[in-house]
C-alpha atoms as a PDB file:
ATOM      1  CA  MET A   1     -31.117  36.475  33.308  1.00  0.00           C
ATOM      2  CA  LYS A   2     -28.582  34.304  31.496  1.00  0.00           C
ATOM      3  CA  GLN A   3     -28.733  31.719  34.295  1.00  0.00           C
ATOM      4  CA  GLN A   4     -32.522  31.539  33.956  1.00  0.00           C
ATOM      5  CA  LYS A   5     -32.222  30.794  30.219  1.00  0.00           C
ATOM      6  CA  ILE A   6     -29.666  28.070  30.862  1.00  0.00           C
ATOM      7  CA  PHE A   7     -31.855  26.616  33.592  1.00  0.00           C
ATOM      8  CA  LEU A   8     -34.902  26.575  31.289  1.00  0.00           C
ATOM      9  CA  ILE A   9     -32.941  24.940  28.473  1.00  0.00           C
ATOM     10  CA  VAL A  10     -31.607  22.254  30.811  1.00  0.00           C
ATOM     11  CA  LEU A  11     -35.091  21.693  32.214  1.00  0.00           C
ATOM     12  CA  MET A  12     -36.572  21.332  28.716  1.00  0.00           C
ATOM     13  CA  VAL A  13     -33.874  18.841  27.715  1.00  0.00           C
ATOM     14  CA  LEU A  14     -34.482  16.773  30.843  1.00  0.00           C
ATOM     15  CA  CYS A  15     -38.239  16.752  30.255  1.00  0.00           C
ATOM     16  CA  PHE A  16     -37.748  15.697  26.645  1.00  0.00           C
ATOM     17  CA  ALA A  17     -35.375  12.906  27.725  1.00  0.00           C
ATOM     18  CA  LEU A  18     -37.888  11.604  30.281  1.00  0.00           C
ATOM     19  CA  VAL A  19     -40.752  11.610  27.784  1.00  0.00           C
ATOM     20  CA  ALA A  20     -38.627   9.922  25.107  1.00  0.00           C
ATOM     21  CA  ASN A  21     -37.472   7.283  27.583  1.00  0.00           C
ATOM     22  CA  GLY A  22     -41.066   6.579  28.596  1.00  0.00           C
ATOM     23  CA  LEU A  23     -42.128   6.144  24.986  1.00  0.00           C
ATOM     24  CA  VAL A  24     -39.313   3.702  24.287  1.00  0.00           C
ATOM     25  CA  ALA A  25     -40.105   1.704  27.425  1.00  0.00           C
ATOM     26  CA  GLN A  26     -43.735   1.320  26.286  1.00  0.00           C
ATOM     27  CA  GLU A  27     -42.809  -0.195  22.932  1.00  0.00           C
ATOM     28  CA  HIS A  28     -45.081  -3.140  22.145  1.00  0.00           C
ATOM     29  CA  PHE A  29     -43.898  -6.212  20.296  1.00  0.00           C
ATOM     30  CA  PRO A  30     -46.237  -8.180  18.049  1.00  0.00           C
ATOM     31  CA  THR A  31     -46.938 -11.687  19.321  1.00  0.00           C
ATOM     32  CA  LEU A  32     -47.670 -15.062  17.796  1.00  0.00           C
ATOM     33  CA  THR A  33     -49.017 -18.053  19.692  1.00  0.00           C
ATOM     34  CA  GLY A  34     -48.584 -21.528  18.293  1.00  0.00           C
ATOM     35  CA  THR A  35     -46.857 -24.882  18.420  1.00  0.00           C
ATOM     36  CA  VAL A  36     -43.148 -25.460  17.822  1.00  0.00           C
ATOM     37  CA  VAL A  37     -42.701 -27.583  14.702  1.00  0.00           C
ATOM     38  CA  GLY A  38     -38.932 -27.319  14.373  1.00  0.00           C
ATOM     39  CA  ILE A  39     -35.649 -25.826  15.445  1.00  0.00           C
ATOM     40  CA  GLU A  40     -33.060 -25.402  12.697  1.00  0.00           C
ATOM     41  CA  GLY A  41     -29.385 -24.578  12.650  1.00  0.00           C
ATOM     42  CA  GLY A  42     -26.400 -26.040  14.427  1.00  0.00           C
ATOM     43  CA  ALA A  43     -26.673 -23.534  17.255  1.00  0.00           C
ATOM     44  CA  ARG A  44     -30.505 -23.360  17.268  1.00  0.00           C
ATOM     45  CA  LYS A  45     -30.686 -20.301  15.042  1.00  0.00           C
ATOM     46  CA  TRP A  46     -34.249 -20.626  13.709  1.00  0.00           C
ATOM     47  CA  LEU A  47     -37.460 -21.518  15.468  1.00  0.00           C
ATOM     48  CA  GLU A  48     -40.417 -22.705  13.395  1.00  0.00           C
ATOM     49  CA  VAL A  49     -43.853 -22.149  14.933  1.00  0.00           C
ATOM     50  CA  LYS A  50     -47.243 -23.182  13.525  1.00  0.00           C
ATOM     51  CA  SER A  51     -49.693 -20.375  14.274  1.00  0.00           C
ATOM     52  CA  GLU A  52     -52.862 -21.143  16.237  1.00  0.00           C
ATOM     53  CA  THR A  53     -54.903 -18.574  14.336  1.00  0.00           C
ATOM     54  CA  ASP A  54     -54.315 -19.516  10.708  1.00  0.00           C
ATOM     55  CA  GLY A  55     -52.157 -22.675  10.801  1.00  0.00           C
ATOM     56  CA  GLU A  56     -49.342 -20.973   8.903  1.00  0.00           C
ATOM     57  CA  THR A  57     -45.756 -21.910   9.817  1.00  0.00           C
ATOM     58  CA  VAL A  58     -43.666 -18.863  10.715  1.00  0.00           C
ATOM     59  CA  ASN A  59     -39.871 -18.807  11.090  1.00  0.00           C
ATOM     60  CA  PHE A  60     -38.188 -16.740  13.812  1.00  0.00           C
ATOM     61  CA  ARG A  61     -34.522 -15.909  14.117  1.00  0.00           C
ATOM     62  CA  ILE A  62     -33.286 -16.735  17.621  1.00  0.00           C
ATOM     63  CA  GLY A  63     -29.964 -16.001  19.236  1.00  0.00           C
ATOM     64  CA  ARG A  64     -28.121 -14.853  22.331  1.00  0.00           C
ATOM     65  CA  ASN A  65     -30.493 -11.897  22.889  1.00  0.00           C
ATOM     66  CA  THR A  66     -33.601 -14.109  22.859  1.00  0.00           C
ATOM     67  CA  THR A  67     -34.961 -14.791  26.336  1.00  0.00           C
ATOM     68  CA  TYR A  68     -36.916 -17.902  27.269  1.00  0.00           C
ATOM     69  CA  VAL A  69     -39.515 -18.288  30.034  1.00  0.00           C
ATOM     70  CA  PRO A  70     -38.863 -20.722  31.665  1.00  0.00           C
ATOM     71  CA  GLN A  71     -35.155 -20.449  30.958  1.00  0.00           C
ATOM     72  CA  ARG A  72     -34.728 -23.297  28.469  1.00  0.00           C
ATOM     73  CA  TYR A  73     -35.200 -24.016  24.786  1.00  0.00           C
ATOM     74  CA  PRO A  74     -38.660 -25.193  23.719  1.00  0.00           C
ATOM     75  CA  ASN A  75     -39.111 -28.691  22.369  1.00  0.00           C
ATOM     76  CA  VAL A  76     -40.970 -29.685  19.223  1.00  0.00           C
ATOM     77  CA  GLY A  77     -44.688 -29.967  19.988  1.00  0.00           C
ATOM     78  CA  GLU A  78     -44.718 -27.443  22.835  1.00  0.00           C
ATOM     79  CA  LYS A  79     -47.090 -24.477  22.800  1.00  0.00           C
ATOM     80  CA  VAL A  80     -45.304 -21.101  22.847  1.00  0.00           C
ATOM     81  CA  ARG A  81     -45.983 -17.393  22.573  1.00  0.00           C
ATOM     82  CA  ILE A  82     -43.333 -15.444  20.662  1.00  0.00           C
ATOM     83  CA  LEU A  83     -42.752 -11.717  21.190  1.00  0.00           C
ATOM     84  CA  TYR A  84     -40.869 -10.532  18.124  1.00  0.00           C
ATOM     85  CA  PHE A  85     -39.833  -7.628  15.965  1.00  0.00           C
ATOM     86  CA  VAL A  86     -39.013  -7.397  12.275  1.00  0.00           C
ATOM     87  CA  GLU A  87     -35.461  -6.469  11.323  1.00  0.00           C
ATOM     88  CA  LYS A  88     -34.556  -6.179   7.638  1.00  0.00           C
ATOM     89  CA  GLY A  89     -37.588  -8.257   6.723  1.00  0.00           C
ATOM     90  CA  VAL A  90     -36.767 -11.075   9.175  1.00  0.00           C
ATOM     91  CA  ASN A  91     -38.869 -12.023  12.221  1.00  0.00           C
ATOM     92  CA  VAL A  92     -36.540 -11.892  15.242  1.00  0.00           C
ATOM     93  CA  ALA A  93     -37.744 -13.483  18.489  1.00  0.00           C
ATOM     94  CA  SER A  94     -37.221 -11.232  21.492  1.00  0.00           C
ATOM     95  CA  LYS A  95     -38.911 -13.485  24.061  1.00  0.00           C
ATOM     96  CA  VAL A  96     -40.229 -17.048  23.911  1.00  0.00           C
ATOM     97  CA  LEU A  97     -42.863 -17.918  26.522  1.00  0.00           C
ATOM     98  CA  ILE A  98     -43.279 -21.686  26.886  1.00  0.00           C
ATOM     99  CA  PHE A  99     -46.686 -22.780  28.170  1.00  0.00           C
ATOM    100  CA  LYS A 100     -46.698 -25.233  31.077  1.00  0.00           C
ATOM    101  CA  ASP A 101     -49.646 -27.286  29.824  1.00  0.00           C
ATOM    102  CA  SER A 102     -48.230 -27.790  26.327  1.00  0.00           C
ATOM    103  CA  ALA A 103     -48.125 -31.580  26.681  1.00  0.00           C
ATOM    104  CA  ASN A 104     -51.738 -31.835  25.383  1.00  0.00           C
END
C-alpha cells in the first residue's frame, strides 16, 4: 500500500514536470518587422529598428545570447524581424532574422 502511494506521487510529479516543460517550450515571443536604422554601442549593444507598421523607431538590447539568422550582424538599411522579450522595461532581442531581399 505504501509503495502504491509513493508510485502515484512520483507519477504525478513526472506528469506535472512534463506539462510544465511543454508550456515553457511553447512560449511565444512578440515580434517586430522593420528596417535597421542604427547599431549603437562599442560592442553593438543596441539595435535600432524602424517598424513597418507604424514607422516608430524601437530600440532593442542585443548581446551574446542574441542569435542571428543568417549568422551575422545586420547592416543599416536591411529588413529584419526581431523576436524579443521585455526585461525590466527594456526590449531584449532574442533572435534577429535578416531578410535576404532587404537590398530593395
